[in-house]
Amino acid sequence: MKKEKQSIDFKYNLKVYFELIYKYRWIVFLILFLSILMESRVVIDRFLFKVIIDKGTSYDTGSLTSTAFKNSLIIIGLLYILIIIMNSVFRWIHIHFINRLEGGLIFDLKRKYFNHIVSLDHGFHVSHKTGSMISRLTRGAGATERLTDVIVFNVAPLIFETIIGVGSIFYFDKISSLIILITTLLFIAYSFFIQRMSAGANLEANTAEDIEKGNTADIFTNIDSIQYFGKEELIKKKYEKLIENTQNKIVNNWNYFRWLDSVQSLILGFGIFFLVYFSITKFLSGELSLGTIAFIYTIFLSMIGNMYGFVHGLRGFYRSMADYQDLFEYGKIKKEIKDEPNSKRLIIKYGEVEFNNVTFNYGKRKIFDNFNLKIPRNKKIALVGHSGSGKTTLIKLLYRMYNLNKGEILIDNQDIRKVKQESLRNEMSIVPQECVLFDDTIYNNVAFSNPKATREEVIEAIRFAQLDKIIKIFPNKENTIVGERGVKLSGGEKQRVSIARAILADKKILVLDEATSSLDSQTEHEIQTDLEKLMKGRTSIIIAHRLSTIMKADQIIVMKNGKIVQKGTHAQLIGQSGEYRHLWNLQKGGYIK
């Protein structure tokens, strides 16, 4: 199957950019006005030079006295000094407002897309690499600065100088102004053509870079697995292939600019030839003065500099559009799980949970079909079953990470689809199966669940999770930095931080998803006692593979293939033949005293 060629949605990308810039429209107008003044100064400089040459020629031929020539030079010199001072002031103001504009635009873009990405559904985040998202967000910020620079430093100067310069030359010689205008238009048109041709190659280079960065982040995240299995050489070869692919795509993009540079030189060469031919012909016939020829050439040379600046800017424009393309694609992704209009904040008073006729498919795979379960307030309910039975998915549905295909989930008799998602999740506390921590202090990781908590409350939660016994041997105690994803802590230590975080949150509904799975037997026994205290007066939902951790649950729900196959207390279920006793017999030798 032929791979579809990537393309840039210029219309959409520019629409988003100009929506961002609209907020700063008065600053943009001021910057462009200052650009006009500064480009006018270039023409005035060349005109003063023309006057000096013409006056000097007149003085040399004797048609102008020495005194008159000197007076002219003094006036020109004073005008030039005044222009220099004004230009310096204009440039200072120009750069000042450009800095304000670009700083504001970058801030707004980062905030807009970071907030959008963070708020996207759980399904989005499990299917997109973190490294690629960071790469696109960073490139998007760089593209904003680059595109704004292109407009104010490359496009605006050429447009204004072309209008002012060609217009002033037209006053002296119409043919020369026409030659310069045609040369400029050909130069720009050809540059647009090549840049448009290279747009797809630019996108492919960006995609290769995203893949490389995404895989690099994945490699460094799994460095322990690489070293434990002795796969350093395998990973080095994999990385070499990644960077080789990136290199090939980048070089392919660069190759377009061989044609760009060579044909641009050809266009300028012919432009200069015709300009010289016609202007010298008119000079010899006495139609143009030497000063006028100098004026025409110096204006054209200045425009050549701006033309190359424009091409450089054009390259930056297409690169910015390519960089925007990947980031702005995220902007087109809509949340599937949305708050209903006028949805209210959920406040859980009792903690009663009910799953009514819940049907849910994950892709084409059916997980639940008319699933029903009622969890009374202040009760400890355990969910057990083999991996894939639907235990964790049930929790994700409770947190509304996915939309149901059919049915409803009620908390305190309120449909969770009719309340704000953030309030729903904020009203429950969880110790997840995989504890991932911020690269911050232990204290801040615990305090994350309740930023308004006092220091005493945070320290108490740390003690409750038996974490104080560990951190007392750390040089920085609770201010120890845990490293990226908590890499500096053991699995058990990370789990204790997660438990302390849940304790501090102090919510009416508590979810324990394999909460003690990473702890040794002694620590697990100690924490189980503390968790018993924590669960009092709360609705607790416990997911466990170790059946020894749920023996005191008020009710045990045994699940298999998305269905409830048994219900009851430990004493009831152990006396029945079925799935629970089968699981118990498998585990009792290793987990039960």
Protein backbone atom coordinates (compact mmCIF):
# COMPACT_ATOMS: atom_id res chain seq x y z
CA MET A 1 0.00 0.00 0.00
CA LYS A 2 1.41 3.37 -1.02
CA LYS A 3 2.07 5.72 1.87
CA GLU A 4 -0.04 8.87 1.75
CA LYS A 5 2.11 11.95 1.26
CA GLN A 6 2.02 14.36 4.15
CA SER A 7 0.81 17.89 3.54
CA ILE A 8 0.56 21.14 5.46
CA ASP A 9 -2.80 22.74 6.19
CA PHE A 10 -1.63 26.34 5.67
CA LYS A 11 -5.11 27.84 5.99
CA TYR A 12 -5.81 26.23 9.36
CA ASN A 13 -2.31 26.87 10.75
CA LEU A 14 -2.37 30.56 9.80
CA LYS A 15 -5.89 30.89 11.18
CA VAL A 16 -4.72 29.63 14.58
CA TYR A 17 -1.63 31.89 14.48
CA PHE A 18 -3.65 35.00 13.64
CA GLU A 19 -6.20 34.13 16.33
CA LEU A 20 -3.31 34.21 18.80
CA ILE A 21 -1.89 37.45 17.37
CA TYR A 22 -5.23 39.27 17.32
CA LYS A 23 -4.89 39.96 21.03
CA TYR A 24 -1.73 41.97 20.27
CA ARG A 25 -2.99 43.71 17.11
CA TRP A 26 -2.11 47.25 18.30
CA ILE A 27 1.44 46.18 19.07
CA VAL A 28 1.65 44.61 15.59
CA PHE A 29 0.44 47.85 13.94
CA LEU A 30 3.04 49.84 15.89
CA ILE A 31 5.81 47.43 14.89
CA LEU A 32 4.84 47.63 11.20
CA PHE A 33 4.64 51.44 11.35
CA LEU A 34 8.16 51.57 12.80
CA SER A 35 9.30 49.21 10.02
CA ILE A 36 7.98 51.69 7.42
CA LEU A 37 9.90 54.53 9.08
CA MET A 38 13.12 52.50 9.19
CA GLU A 39 12.85 51.39 5.55
CA SER A 40 12.16 55.02 4.54
CA ARG A 41 15.44 55.91 6.21
CA VAL A 42 17.29 53.53 3.83
CA VAL A 43 15.92 55.37 0.78
CA ILE A 44 16.71 58.76 2.34
CA ASP A 45 20.32 57.61 2.97
CA ARG A 46 20.71 56.62 -0.68
CA PHE A 47 19.13 59.86 -1.82
CA LEU A 48 21.58 61.90 0.28
CA PHE A 49 24.41 59.91 -1.29
CA LYS A 50 22.97 60.73 -4.74
CA VAL A 51 22.92 64.45 -3.84
CA ILE A 52 26.58 64.29 -2.69
CA ILE A 53 27.68 62.65 -5.98
CA ASP A 54 25.71 65.12 -8.12
CA LYS A 55 26.99 68.13 -6.14
CA GLY A 56 30.53 66.71 -6.29
CA THR A 57 30.25 66.28 -10.05
CA SER A 58 29.03 69.85 -10.38
CA TYR A 59 31.89 71.08 -8.17
CA ASP A 60 34.39 69.05 -10.21
CA THR A 61 33.17 70.57 -13.49
CA GLY A 62 33.26 74.07 -11.96
CA SER A 63 29.51 74.69 -12.11
CA LEU A 64 29.30 74.77 -8.26
CA THR A 65 31.46 76.93 -5.99
CA SER A 66 33.51 75.51 -3.16
CA THR A 67 31.47 77.39 -0.55
CA ALA A 68 28.16 76.14 -1.94
CA PHE A 69 29.52 72.57 -2.07
CA LYS A 70 30.73 72.75 1.55
CA ASN A 71 27.41 74.20 2.73
CA SER A 72 25.59 71.34 0.97
CA LEU A 73 27.85 68.79 2.70
CA ILE A 74 27.22 70.39 6.13
CA ILE A 75 23.43 70.29 5.64
CA ILE A 76 23.60 66.67 4.39
CA GLY A 77 25.85 65.72 7.33
CA LEU A 78 23.47 67.27 9.88
CA LEU A 79 20.48 65.54 8.25
CA TYR A 80 22.36 62.24 8.31
CA ILE A 81 23.20 62.59 12.02
CA LEU A 82 19.55 63.36 12.77
CA ILE A 83 18.46 60.30 10.77
CA ILE A 84 20.98 58.09 12.63
CA ILE A 85 19.67 59.23 16.03
CA MET A 86 16.02 58.79 15.04
CA ASN A 87 16.75 55.36 13.53
CA SER A 88 18.49 54.26 16.74
CA VAL A 89 15.45 55.32 18.81
CA PHE A 90 13.06 53.61 16.37
CA ARG A 91 15.06 50.35 16.49
CA TRP A 92 15.07 50.33 20.30
CA ILE A 93 11.28 50.76 20.39
CA HIS A 94 10.88 48.26 17.52
CA ILE A 95 12.81 45.47 19.31
CA HIS A 96 11.12 46.29 22.63
CA PHE A 97 7.65 45.69 21.21
CA ILE A 98 8.77 42.64 19.19
CA ASN A 99 10.03 41.07 22.44
CA ARG A 100 6.70 41.80 24.13
CA LEU A 101 4.78 40.40 21.18
CA GLU A 102 6.78 37.17 20.84
CA GLY A 103 6.94 36.56 24.58
CA GLY A 104 3.15 36.92 24.83
CA LEU A 105 2.48 34.74 21.78
CA ILE A 106 4.74 31.91 23.00
CA PHE A 107 3.12 32.03 26.45
CA ASP A 108 -0.39 31.95 24.96
CA LEU A 109 0.41 29.10 22.55
CA LYS A 110 2.06 26.95 25.21
CA ARG A 111 -0.81 27.52 27.63
CA LYS A 112 -3.46 26.86 24.96
CA TYR A 113 -2.03 23.54 23.79
CA PHE A 114 -0.71 22.32 27.14
CA ASN A 115 -4.15 22.89 28.68
CA HIS A 116 -5.81 21.19 25.70
CA ILE A 117 -3.49 18.14 25.78
CA VAL A 118 -3.78 17.75 29.57
CA SER A 119 -7.58 17.83 29.32
CA LEU A 120 -7.79 15.24 26.52
CA ASP A 121 -9.23 11.83 27.31
CA HIS A 122 -7.34 8.96 28.91
CA GLY A 123 -7.46 7.11 25.58
CA PHE A 124 -5.43 9.86 23.92
CA HIS A 125 -2.64 9.74 26.50
CA VAL A 126 -2.24 5.97 26.42
CA SER A 127 -1.81 6.06 22.63
CA HIS A 128 0.64 8.97 22.25
CA LYS A 129 4.30 8.99 23.22
CA THR A 130 5.30 11.54 25.85
CA GLY A 131 8.54 12.41 24.04
CA SER A 132 6.64 13.25 20.84
CA MET A 133 4.18 15.49 22.69
CA ILE A 134 7.02 17.41 24.37
CA SER A 135 8.85 17.68 21.02
CA ARG A 136 5.79 19.11 19.26
CA LEU A 137 5.00 21.57 22.03
CA THR A 138 8.61 22.81 22.07
CA ARG A 139 8.75 23.07 18.27
CA GLY A 140 5.44 24.94 18.24
CA ALA A 141 6.82 27.56 20.64
CA GLY A 142 9.94 27.92 18.47
CA ALA A 143 7.78 28.18 15.35
CA THR A 144 5.83 31.08 16.88
CA GLU A 145 9.00 33.09 17.49
CA ARG A 146 10.35 32.18 14.05
CA LEU A 147 7.16 33.06 12.17
CA THR A 148 6.82 36.40 13.95
CA ASP A 149 10.47 37.19 13.15
CA VAL A 150 9.80 36.30 9.50
CA ILE A 151 6.95 38.81 9.34
CA VAL A 152 8.71 41.72 11.08
CA PHE A 153 12.30 41.16 9.90
CA ASN A 154 11.94 39.53 6.47
CA VAL A 155 8.54 40.10 4.86
CA ALA A 156 7.69 43.62 6.06
CA PRO A 157 11.12 45.17 5.19
CA LEU A 158 11.05 43.78 1.63
CA ILE A 159 7.46 44.88 0.99
CA PHE A 160 8.02 48.37 2.37
CA GLU A 161 11.40 48.84 0.68
CA THR A 162 10.02 47.58 -2.63
CA ILE A 163 7.11 50.04 -2.47
CA ILE A 164 9.24 52.99 -1.32
CA GLY A 165 12.40 52.11 -3.31
CA VAL A 166 10.77 51.18 -6.62
CA GLY A 167 8.43 54.15 -6.25
CA SER A 168 11.33 56.59 -5.78
CA ILE A 169 13.32 55.05 -8.66
CA PHE A 170 10.19 55.31 -10.85
CA TYR A 171 10.41 59.09 -10.35
CA PHE A 172 13.90 59.15 -11.92
CA ASP A 173 13.73 56.25 -14.42
CA LYS A 174 10.68 54.15 -15.24
CA ILE A 175 12.60 51.36 -17.07
CA SER A 176 15.00 50.79 -14.15
CA SER A 177 12.09 50.62 -11.68
CA LEU A 178 10.33 48.11 -13.95
CA ILE A 179 13.46 45.91 -14.23
CA ILE A 180 13.89 45.92 -10.43
CA LEU A 181 10.21 45.12 -9.88
CA ILE A 182 10.23 42.20 -12.36
CA THR A 183 13.49 40.82 -10.90
CA THR A 184 12.07 41.02 -7.38
CA LEU A 185 8.79 39.33 -8.33
CA LEU A 186 10.57 36.50 -10.22
CA PHE A 187 12.95 36.01 -7.30
CA ILE A 188 10.07 35.77 -4.80
CA ALA A 189 7.83 33.61 -7.03
CA TYR A 190 10.59 31.05 -7.64
CA SER A 191 11.40 30.99 -3.93
CA PHE A 192 7.74 30.28 -3.12
CA PHE A 193 7.72 27.47 -5.69
CA ILE A 194 10.74 25.68 -4.22
CA GLN A 195 9.56 26.15 -0.64
CA ARG A 196 6.17 24.71 -1.55
CA MET A 197 7.90 21.75 -3.21
CA SER A 198 9.90 21.09 -0.04
CA ALA A 199 6.95 21.32 2.38
CA GLY A 200 6.27 17.56 2.33
CA ALA A 201 9.95 16.76 2.92
CA ASN A 202 9.92 19.16 5.88
CA LEU A 203 6.95 17.33 7.41
CA GLU A 204 8.62 13.96 6.89
CA ALA A 205 11.75 15.27 8.64
CA ASN A 206 9.60 16.44 11.59
CA THR A 207 7.81 13.08 11.78
CA ALA A 208 11.15 11.25 11.80
CA GLU A 209 12.36 13.57 14.56
CA ASP A 210 9.20 12.94 16.62
CA ILE A 211 9.62 9.17 16.26
CA GLU A 212 13.27 9.47 17.25
CA LYS A 213 12.52 11.58 20.34
CA GLY A 214 9.55 9.43 21.36
CA ASN A 215 11.65 6.26 21.17
CA THR A 216 14.60 7.94 22.89
CA ALA A 217 12.37 8.92 25.83
CA ASP A 218 11.02 5.36 25.90
CA ILE A 219 14.56 3.94 25.93
CA PHE A 220 15.73 6.13 28.81
CA THR A 221 12.53 5.39 30.77
CA ASN A 222 13.26 1.66 30.45
CA ILE A 223 17.01 1.85 31.07
CA ASP A 224 16.75 -0.61 33.97
CA SER A 225 15.20 -3.29 31.75
CA ILE A 226 17.86 -2.69 29.10
CA GLN A 227 20.68 -3.14 31.59
CA TYR A 228 19.10 -6.07 33.47
CA PHE A 229 18.71 -8.03 30.23
CA GLY A 230 22.08 -6.93 28.81
CA LYS A 231 20.57 -5.37 25.68
CA GLU A 232 22.74 -2.24 25.44
CA GLU A 233 24.16 -3.20 22.02
CA LEU A 234 20.69 -4.03 20.67
CA ILE A 235 19.38 -0.65 21.79
CA LYS A 236 22.42 1.14 20.34
CA LYS A 237 21.68 -0.43 16.94
CA LYS A 238 18.00 0.49 17.23
CA TYR A 239 18.92 4.10 18.05
CA GLU A 240 21.39 4.20 15.16
CA LYS A 241 18.59 3.23 12.76
CA LEU A 242 16.36 5.92 14.22
CA ILE A 243 18.91 8.71 13.81
CA GLU A 244 19.89 7.43 10.37
CA ASN A 245 16.26 7.73 9.27
CA THR A 246 16.06 11.24 10.75
CA GLN A 247 19.31 12.20 8.99
CA ASN A 248 18.05 10.93 5.61
CA LYS A 249 14.78 12.85 5.92
CA ILE A 250 16.54 16.06 6.97
CA VAL A 251 19.13 15.84 4.16
CA ASN A 252 16.34 15.16 1.64
CA ASN A 253 14.67 18.37 2.83
CA TRP A 254 17.92 20.33 2.58
CA ASN A 255 18.56 19.10 -0.98
CA TYR A 256 15.75 21.29 -2.34
CA PHE A 257 17.77 24.36 -1.50
CA ARG A 258 20.53 23.54 -4.03
CA TRP A 259 18.04 24.45 -6.75
CA LEU A 260 16.81 27.44 -4.81
CA ASP A 261 20.23 29.08 -4.46
CA SER A 262 21.48 28.41 -8.00
CA VAL A 263 18.37 29.71 -9.87
CA GLN A 264 18.12 32.73 -7.54
CA SER A 265 21.67 33.70 -8.56
CA LEU A 266 20.64 33.35 -12.20
CA ILE A 267 17.61 35.64 -11.78
CA LEU A 268 19.64 38.30 -9.97
CA GLY A 269 22.45 38.07 -12.54
CA PHE A 270 20.11 38.80 -15.45
CA GLY A 271 18.38 41.55 -13.44
CA ILE A 272 21.68 43.33 -12.80
CA PHE A 273 22.73 42.90 -16.45
CA PHE A 274 19.59 44.61 -17.81
CA LEU A 275 19.70 47.30 -15.10
CA VAL A 276 23.32 48.14 -15.98
CA TYR A 277 22.64 48.09 -19.71
CA PHE A 278 19.67 50.47 -19.69
CA SER A 279 20.95 52.84 -16.98
CA ILE A 280 24.41 53.24 -18.58
CA THR A 281 22.78 53.78 -21.98
CA LYS A 282 20.69 56.60 -20.50
CA PHE A 283 23.71 58.04 -18.69
CA LEU A 284 25.66 58.20 -21.96
CA SER A 285 22.73 59.95 -23.61
CA GLY A 286 22.60 62.45 -20.75
CA GLU A 287 19.18 61.32 -19.47
CA LEU A 288 20.52 60.17 -16.08
CA SER A 289 23.10 61.75 -13.77
CA LEU A 290 25.91 59.81 -12.11
CA GLY A 291 24.24 60.38 -8.74
CA THR A 292 20.94 58.94 -10.02
CA ILE A 293 22.72 55.79 -11.27
CA ALA A 294 24.37 55.43 -7.84
CA PHE A 295 20.96 55.90 -6.21
CA ILE A 296 19.39 53.20 -8.40
CA TYR A 297 22.22 50.69 -7.80
CA THR A 298 22.45 51.24 -4.04
CA ILE A 299 18.66 50.89 -3.66
CA PHE A 300 18.75 47.67 -5.72
CA LEU A 301 21.70 46.27 -3.75
CA SER A 302 19.84 47.00 -0.52
CA MET A 303 16.78 45.23 -1.94
CA ILE A 304 18.92 42.20 -2.88
CA GLY A 305 19.89 41.90 0.78
CA ASN A 306 16.22 42.06 1.76
CA MET A 307 15.33 39.55 -0.99
CA TYR A 308 17.75 37.00 0.43
CA GLY A 309 16.42 37.87 3.88
CA PHE A 310 12.92 37.25 2.55
CA VAL A 311 13.95 33.83 1.17
CA HIS A 312 15.53 32.97 4.50
CA GLY A 313 12.27 34.09 6.11
CA LEU A 314 10.27 32.08 3.59
CA ARG A 315 12.22 29.00 4.57
CA GLY A 316 11.47 29.85 8.19
CA PHE A 317 7.79 30.33 7.30
CA TYR A 318 7.48 26.85 5.76
CA ARG A 319 9.43 25.32 8.60
CA SER A 320 7.12 27.05 11.09
CA MET A 321 4.07 25.79 9.21
CA ALA A 322 5.50 22.25 9.30
CA ASP A 323 6.24 22.58 13.02
CA TYR A 324 2.75 23.91 13.64
CA GLN A 325 1.17 21.11 11.62
CA ASP A 326 1.98 18.37 14.13
CA LEU A 327 1.09 20.45 17.20
CA PHE A 328 -2.09 21.90 15.72
CA GLU A 329 -3.26 18.38 14.83
CA TYR A 330 -3.65 17.91 18.58
CA GLY A 331 -5.88 20.99 18.59
CA LYS A 332 -8.23 19.24 16.14
CA ILE A 333 -8.67 16.29 18.51
CA LYS A 334 -11.86 16.74 20.47
CA LYS A 335 -12.66 15.37 23.90
CA GLU A 336 -15.04 12.45 23.61
CA ILE A 337 -15.78 12.54 27.31
CA LYS A 338 -17.40 15.93 27.81
CA ASP A 339 -19.19 17.59 30.67
CA GLU A 340 -22.85 18.08 29.91
CA PRO A 341 -24.11 21.69 29.70
CA ASN A 342 -24.88 23.12 33.14
CA SER A 343 -23.27 20.11 34.85
CA LYS A 344 -22.73 20.64 38.57
CA ARG A 345 -19.84 19.95 40.90
CA LEU A 346 -20.11 16.60 42.63
CA ILE A 347 -19.86 16.51 46.41
CA ILE A 348 -19.87 12.96 47.77
CA LYS A 349 -21.60 12.82 51.16
CA TYR A 350 -22.25 9.11 51.60
CA GLY A 351 -20.19 7.21 49.05
CA GLU A 352 -22.80 4.81 47.70
CA VAL A 353 -21.79 3.50 44.25
CA GLU A 354 -24.02 1.71 41.75
CA PHE A 355 -23.30 0.22 38.32
CA ASN A 356 -26.60 -0.20 36.43
CA ASN A 357 -26.72 -2.29 33.24
CA VAL A 358 -23.24 -1.15 32.27
CA THR A 359 -22.15 -2.15 28.75
CA PHE A 360 -18.67 -1.18 27.60
CA ASN A 361 -16.52 -2.11 24.63
CA TYR A 362 -12.83 -1.35 24.45
CA GLY A 363 -12.45 -1.01 20.70
CA LYS A 364 -14.03 -4.14 19.26
CA ARG A 365 -13.50 -6.09 22.47
CA LYS A 366 -16.55 -6.30 24.75
CA ILE A 367 -15.56 -5.93 28.40
CA PHE A 368 -18.95 -5.58 30.15
CA ASP A 369 -22.45 -6.50 28.99
CA ASN A 370 -25.33 -5.35 31.25
CA PHE A 371 -23.06 -5.40 34.29
CA ASN A 372 -24.72 -4.61 37.64
CA LEU A 373 -23.14 -3.97 41.02
CA LYS A 374 -24.19 -1.96 44.06
CA ILE A 375 -21.61 -0.87 46.64
CA PRO A 376 -23.23 0.34 49.88
CA ARG A 377 -21.85 3.33 51.75
CA ASN A 378 -19.01 2.79 54.23
CA LYS A 379 -18.49 -0.81 53.12
CA LYS A 380 -15.28 -2.52 52.06
CA ILE A 381 -15.82 -4.20 48.69
CA ALA A 382 -13.08 -6.32 47.13
CA LEU A 383 -12.82 -7.13 43.42
CA VAL A 384 -10.89 -10.29 42.60
CA GLY A 385 -10.27 -12.34 39.51
CA HIS A 386 -7.66 -13.24 36.96
CA SER A 387 -5.94 -10.51 34.94
CA GLY A 388 -8.27 -9.30 32.20
CA SER A 389 -11.43 -9.99 34.16
CA GLY A 390 -12.35 -6.27 34.12
CA LYS A 391 -11.42 -5.14 37.65
CA THR A 392 -9.21 -2.19 36.69
CA THR A 393 -11.49 -1.24 33.77
CA LEU A 394 -14.37 -0.96 36.24
CA ILE A 395 -12.37 1.60 38.22
CA LYS A 396 -11.53 3.55 35.05
CA LEU A 397 -15.23 3.68 34.24
CA LEU A 398 -15.98 4.86 37.77
CA TYR A 399 -13.47 7.67 37.20
CA ARG A 400 -15.11 8.28 33.81
CA MET A 401 -11.90 7.74 31.87
CA TYR A 402 -14.11 6.24 29.15
CA ASN A 403 -17.74 6.69 28.12
CA LEU A 404 -20.15 3.81 28.58
CA ASN A 405 -21.79 2.24 25.55
CA LYS A 406 -24.95 1.75 27.62
CA GLY A 407 -26.11 1.95 31.21
CA GLU A 408 -25.18 4.32 34.02
CA ILE A 409 -22.91 4.68 37.03
CA LEU A 410 -24.35 6.43 40.07
CA ILE A 411 -22.62 7.91 43.10
CA ASP A 412 -25.01 8.94 45.87
CA ASN A 413 -27.76 8.42 43.28
CA GLN A 414 -26.16 10.99 40.93
CA ASP A 415 -25.29 9.97 37.37
CA ILE A 416 -21.56 10.66 36.95
CA ARG A 417 -22.21 11.85 33.36
CA LYS A 418 -24.18 14.79 34.74
CA VAL A 419 -21.41 16.17 36.99
CA LYS A 420 -18.11 17.86 36.18
CA GLN A 421 -15.40 15.30 35.51
CA GLU A 422 -12.76 17.07 37.55
CA SER A 423 -15.05 17.30 40.58
CA LEU A 424 -15.88 13.58 40.22
CA ARG A 425 -12.21 12.59 40.28
CA ASN A 426 -11.37 15.12 42.96
CA GLU A 427 -13.98 13.58 45.27
CA MET A 428 -12.33 10.14 45.27
CA SER A 429 -8.94 8.95 46.45
CA ILE A 430 -6.89 6.20 44.83
CA VAL A 431 -3.73 4.21 45.34
CA PRO A 432 -3.05 3.02 41.78
CA GLN A 433 -1.39 -0.22 40.79
CA GLU A 434 1.50 1.59 39.13
CA CYS A 435 2.70 4.45 41.29
CA VAL A 436 4.31 7.16 39.11
CA LEU A 437 5.75 10.13 40.99
CA PHE A 438 6.77 13.64 39.96
CA ASP A 439 10.47 14.48 39.86
CA ASP A 440 10.05 16.47 43.06
CA THR A 441 10.43 16.02 46.82
CA ILE A 442 8.70 13.27 48.76
CA TYR A 443 6.83 15.99 50.67
CA ASN A 444 5.48 17.66 47.51
CA ASN A 445 4.50 14.31 46.00
CA VAL A 446 2.41 13.52 49.06
CA ALA A 447 0.97 17.07 49.26
CA PHE A 448 -0.09 16.88 45.59
CA SER A 449 -3.43 15.29 46.51
CA ASN A 450 -4.31 18.15 48.86
CA PRO A 451 -2.27 21.33 48.22
CA LYS A 452 -4.16 23.19 50.98
CA ALA A 453 -3.06 20.72 53.67
CA THR A 454 -0.90 21.99 56.52
CA ARG A 455 2.62 20.68 57.05
CA GLU A 456 1.42 18.80 60.12
CA GLU A 457 -1.24 17.03 58.04
CA VAL A 458 1.27 16.04 55.37
CA ILE A 459 3.73 14.70 57.94
CA GLU A 460 0.92 12.78 59.64
CA ALA A 461 -0.01 11.14 56.32
CA ILE A 462 3.67 10.23 55.84
CA ARG A 463 3.68 8.57 59.29
CA PHE A 464 0.40 6.79 58.60
CA ALA A 465 1.90 5.17 55.49
CA GLN A 466 4.96 4.02 57.49
CA LEU A 467 7.04 6.27 55.22
CA ASP A 468 8.69 8.14 58.11
CA LYS A 469 10.75 5.04 58.99
CA ILE A 470 12.31 5.12 55.54
CA ILE A 471 12.91 8.84 55.02
CA LYS A 472 14.56 9.33 58.40
CA ILE A 473 17.73 7.75 56.97
CA PHE A 474 17.67 10.05 53.90
CA PRO A 475 19.99 13.08 54.23
CA ASN A 476 17.18 15.46 53.18
CA LYS A 477 14.37 13.53 54.88
CA GLU A 478 10.98 14.42 53.32
CA ASN A 479 12.71 16.98 51.06
CA THR A 480 14.50 14.20 49.15
CA ILE A 481 14.04 14.46 45.36
CA VAL A 482 12.61 11.16 44.11
CA GLY A 483 13.84 11.44 40.49
CA GLU A 484 11.92 11.10 37.24
CA ARG A 485 8.91 8.80 37.75
CA GLY A 486 10.25 8.14 41.27
CA VAL A 487 13.26 6.21 39.95
CA LYS A 488 15.35 6.87 43.11
CA LEU A 489 12.86 4.99 45.29
CA SER A 490 12.15 1.28 45.44
CA GLY A 491 8.76 -0.06 44.39
CA GLY A 492 7.67 -0.38 48.01
CA GLU A 493 8.85 3.13 48.86
CA LYS A 494 6.94 4.58 45.90
CA GLN A 495 3.83 2.71 46.97
CA ARG A 496 4.11 4.16 50.47
CA VAL A 497 4.25 7.68 48.96
CA SER A 498 1.14 6.83 46.95
CA ILE A 499 -0.64 5.57 50.07
CA ALA A 500 0.32 8.71 52.01
CA ARG A 501 -1.02 10.79 49.13
CA ALA A 502 -4.37 8.96 49.28
CA ILE A 503 -4.51 9.33 53.05
CA LEU A 504 -3.96 13.08 52.80
CA ALA A 505 -6.70 13.43 50.17
CA ASP A 506 -9.18 12.18 52.81
CA LYS A 507 -12.11 11.33 50.52
CA LYS A 508 -15.34 9.45 51.15
CA ILE A 509 -14.58 6.88 48.44
CA LEU A 510 -11.20 5.14 48.56
CA VAL A 511 -9.88 2.92 45.77
CA LEU A 512 -7.00 0.56 46.49
CA ASP A 513 -5.71 -0.92 43.24
CA GLU A 514 -3.13 -3.49 44.36
CA ALA A 515 -2.13 -0.98 47.07
CA THR A 516 0.35 -3.31 48.79
CA SER A 517 1.56 -5.27 45.77
CA SER A 518 5.10 -3.81 45.93
CA LEU A 519 5.59 -4.26 49.66
CA ASP A 520 7.41 -6.99 51.52
CA SER A 521 5.38 -9.23 53.83
CA GLN A 522 6.37 -7.44 57.06
CA THR A 523 5.64 -3.96 55.69
CA GLU A 524 2.44 -5.18 54.08
CA HIS A 525 1.26 -6.52 57.42
CA GLU A 526 2.02 -3.16 59.10
CA ILE A 527 0.28 -1.12 56.41
CA GLN A 528 -2.75 -3.43 56.30
CA THR A 529 -3.41 -2.48 59.92
CA ASP A 530 -3.20 1.21 59.04
CA LEU A 531 -5.37 0.74 55.95
CA GLU A 532 -8.02 -0.92 58.14
CA LYS A 533 -8.15 2.31 60.17
CA LEU A 534 -8.20 4.42 56.99
CA MET A 535 -11.11 2.51 55.48
CA LYS A 536 -13.36 3.02 58.50
CA GLY A 537 -16.22 5.37 57.69
CA ARG A 538 -15.39 5.23 53.97
CA THR A 539 -16.61 3.31 50.96
CA SER A 540 -13.59 1.28 49.96
CA ILE A 541 -13.10 -0.53 46.68
CA ILE A 542 -10.16 -2.92 46.83
CA ILE A 543 -8.60 -4.61 43.83
CA ALA A 544 -6.28 -7.39 44.92
CA HIS A 545 -4.56 -10.46 43.59
CA ARG A 546 -3.29 -11.38 47.05
CA LEU A 547 -6.43 -12.78 48.65
CA SER A 548 -4.85 -12.49 52.09
CA THR A 549 -5.28 -8.70 51.85
CA ILE A 550 -9.09 -8.86 51.48
CA MET A 551 -10.12 -11.46 54.03
CA LYS A 552 -11.81 -8.75 56.15
CA ALA A 553 -13.75 -7.19 53.27
CA ASP A 554 -17.50 -6.80 53.83
CA GLN A 555 -18.13 -8.34 50.44
CA ILE A 556 -15.89 -9.99 47.86
CA ILE A 557 -16.90 -9.74 44.21
CA VAL A 558 -15.36 -12.49 42.09
CA MET A 559 -15.11 -11.52 38.42
CA LYS A 560 -14.39 -13.46 35.28
CA ASN A 561 -14.56 -12.18 31.68
CA GLY A 562 -16.41 -9.03 32.72
CA LYS A 563 -19.06 -10.89 34.72
CA ILE A 564 -19.67 -11.43 38.43
CA VAL A 565 -19.40 -15.16 39.05
CA GLN A 566 -19.51 -15.13 42.87
CA LYS A 567 -20.36 -12.77 45.75
CA GLY A 568 -19.95 -13.07 49.49
CA THR A 569 -17.61 -12.77 52.44
CA HIS A 570 -14.36 -14.68 52.62
CA ALA A 571 -15.90 -17.23 55.01
CA GLN A 572 -18.87 -17.79 52.69
CA LEU A 573 -16.86 -18.08 49.48
CA ILE A 574 -14.17 -20.33 50.89
CA GLY A 575 -16.88 -22.84 51.77
CA GLN A 576 -18.22 -22.94 48.22
CA SER A 577 -16.74 -24.69 45.24
CA GLY A 578 -15.97 -22.17 42.54
CA GLU A 579 -13.55 -19.56 41.25
CA TYR A 580 -12.73 -18.02 44.64
CA ARG A 581 -11.78 -21.28 46.33
CA HIS A 582 -9.75 -22.18 43.25
CA LEU A 583 -7.81 -18.91 43.56
CA TRP A 584 -7.44 -19.41 47.31
CA ASN A 585 -5.99 -22.88 46.89
CA LEU A 586 -3.48 -21.51 44.39
CA GLN A 587 -2.31 -18.79 46.79
CA LYS A 588 -2.63 -20.09 50.33
CA GLY A 589 0.76 -21.71 50.37
CA GLY A 590 2.57 -18.55 49.48
CA TYR A 591 0.51 -15.79 51.10
CA ILE A 592 -1.35 -17.14 54.12
CA LYS A 593 0.20 -17.87 57.49
